[in-house]
Amino acid sequence: MSFAVLLVNSTTTREFHCFTREFNDFTREFRCFTREFNDFTRVFRCFTREFNDFTRVFRCFTREFHDFS
């Protein structure tokens, strides 16, 4: 192989390694984001469940109040 071909292959390999390193960093950050988003959705799901319970009780109270009127 000629020196020019080896130089091009070396440069391409170096660029590919740089790209894969950046891609791995991106996937690591994305994994962290999805983990945090899953935590948020878990808390939000809990909140909505409690809010649904509250609205159910409130609906019951308002129904009883209207029955008294």
C-alpha atoms as a PDB file:
ATOM      1  CA  MET A   1       0.000   0.000   0.000  1.00  0.00           C
ATOM      2  CA  SER A   2       1.122   3.482  -0.674  1.00  0.00           C
ATOM      3  CA  PHE A   3       1.774   5.998   2.045  1.00  0.00           C
ATOM      4  CA  ALA A   4      -1.119   8.214   0.793  1.00  0.00           C
ATOM      5  CA  VAL A   5      -3.625   5.338   1.105  1.00  0.00           C
ATOM      6  CA  LEU A   6      -2.400   4.558   4.619  1.00  0.00           C
ATOM      7  CA  LEU A   7      -2.659   8.232   5.547  1.00  0.00           C
ATOM      8  CA  VAL A   8      -6.251   8.461   4.223  1.00  0.00           C
ATOM      9  CA  ASN A   9      -7.218   5.243   6.034  1.00  0.00           C
ATOM     10  CA  SER A  10      -5.638   6.549   9.236  1.00  0.00           C
ATOM     11  CA  THR A  11      -7.493   9.858   8.969  1.00  0.00           C
ATOM     12  CA  THR A  12     -10.778   8.121   8.204  1.00  0.00           C
ATOM     13  CA  THR A  13     -10.302   5.772  11.147  1.00  0.00           C
ATOM     14  CA  ARG A  14      -9.466   8.690  13.451  1.00  0.00           C
ATOM     15  CA  GLU A  15     -12.567  10.581  12.284  1.00  0.00           C
ATOM     16  CA  PHE A  16     -14.699   7.472  12.748  1.00  0.00           C
ATOM     17  CA  HIS A  17     -13.397   7.000  16.294  1.00  0.00           C
ATOM     18  CA  CYS A  18     -14.156  10.649  17.021  1.00  0.00           C
ATOM     19  CA  PHE A  19     -17.679  10.205  15.650  1.00  0.00           C
ATOM     20  CA  THR A  20     -18.301   7.047  17.679  1.00  0.00           C
ATOM     21  CA  ARG A  21     -16.981   8.752  20.818  1.00  0.00           C
ATOM     22  CA  GLU A  22     -19.376  11.683  20.291  1.00  0.00           C
ATOM     23  CA  PHE A  23     -22.218   9.286  19.530  1.00  0.00           C
ATOM     24  CA  ASN A  24     -21.525   7.347  22.726  1.00  0.00           C
ATOM     25  CA  ASP A  25     -21.562  10.604  24.688  1.00  0.00           C
ATOM     26  CA  PHE A  26     -24.881  11.496  23.100  1.00  0.00           C
ATOM     27  CA  THR A  27     -26.420   8.104  23.891  1.00  0.00           C
ATOM     28  CA  ARG A  28     -25.172   8.361  27.481  1.00  0.00           C
ATOM     29  CA  GLU A  29     -26.795  11.783  27.848  1.00  0.00           C
ATOM     30  CA  PHE A  30     -29.993  10.539  26.197  1.00  0.00           C
ATOM     31  CA  ARG A  31     -30.111   7.545  28.549  1.00  0.00           C
ATOM     32  CA  CYS A  32     -29.748   9.924  31.492  1.00  0.00           C
ATOM     33  CA  PHE A  33     -32.533  12.130  30.111  1.00  0.00           C
ATOM     34  CA  THR A  34     -34.877   9.165  29.623  1.00  0.00           C
ATOM     35  CA  ARG A  35     -34.154   7.958  33.157  1.00  0.00           C
ATOM     36  CA  GLU A  36     -35.029  11.396  34.549  1.00  0.00           C
ATOM     37  CA  PHE A  37     -38.106  11.594  32.322  1.00  0.00           C
ATOM     38  CA  ASN A  38     -39.253   8.183  33.576  1.00  0.00           C
ATOM     39  CA  ASP A  39     -38.868   9.405  37.148  1.00  0.00           C
ATOM     40  CA  PHE A  40     -40.915  12.482  36.309  1.00  0.00           C
ATOM     41  CA  THR A  41     -43.675  10.453  34.651  1.00  0.00           C
ATOM     42  CA  ARG A  42     -43.787   8.120  37.651  1.00  0.00           C
ATOM     43  CA  VAL A  43     -44.300  11.088  39.986  1.00  0.00           C
ATOM     44  CA  PHE A  44     -46.814  12.661  37.621  1.00  0.00           C
ATOM     45  CA  ARG A  45     -48.745   9.386  37.406  1.00  0.00           C
ATOM     46  CA  CYS A  46     -48.871   9.281  41.212  1.00  0.00           C
ATOM     47  CA  PHE A  47     -50.077  12.884  41.314  1.00  0.00           C
ATOM     48  CA  THR A  48     -52.824  12.247  38.758  1.00  0.00           C
ATOM     49  CA  ARG A  49     -53.951   9.158  40.656  1.00  0.00           C
ATOM     50  CA  GLU A  50     -54.248  11.192  43.862  1.00  0.00           C
ATOM     51  CA  PHE A  51     -55.997  13.994  42.009  1.00  0.00           C
ATOM     52  CA  ASN A  52     -58.477  11.506  40.556  1.00  0.00           C
ATOM     53  CA  ASP A  53     -59.183  10.225  44.053  1.00  0.00           C
ATOM     54  CA  PHE A  54     -59.726  13.760  45.265  1.00  0.00           C
ATOM     55  CA  THR A  55     -62.104  14.607  42.406  1.00  0.00           C
ATOM     56  CA  ARG A  56     -64.044  11.399  43.038  1.00  0.00           C
ATOM     57  CA  VAL A  57     -64.549  12.356  46.712  1.00  0.00           C
ATOM     58  CA  PHE A  58     -65.348  15.964  45.781  1.00  0.00           C
ATOM     59  CA  ARG A  59     -67.925  14.784  43.244  1.00  0.00           C
ATOM     60  CA  CYS A  60     -69.497  12.624  45.933  1.00  0.00           C
ATOM     61  CA  PHE A  61     -69.671  15.572  48.346  1.00  0.00           C
ATOM     62  CA  THR A  62     -71.190  17.885  45.767  1.00  0.00           C
ATOM     63  CA  ARG A  63     -73.764  15.254  44.870  1.00  0.00           C
ATOM     64  CA  GLU A  64     -74.747  14.940  48.545  1.00  0.00           C
ATOM     65  CA  PHE A  65     -74.840  18.709  48.908  1.00  0.00           C
ATOM     66  CA  HIS A  66     -77.197  19.022  45.931  1.00  0.00           C
ATOM     67  CA  ASP A  67     -79.404  16.293  47.369  1.00  0.00           C
ATOM     68  CA  PHE A  68     -79.801  18.327  50.567  1.00  0.00           C
ATOM     69  CA  SER A  69     -80.780  21.477  48.691  1.00  0.00           C
END
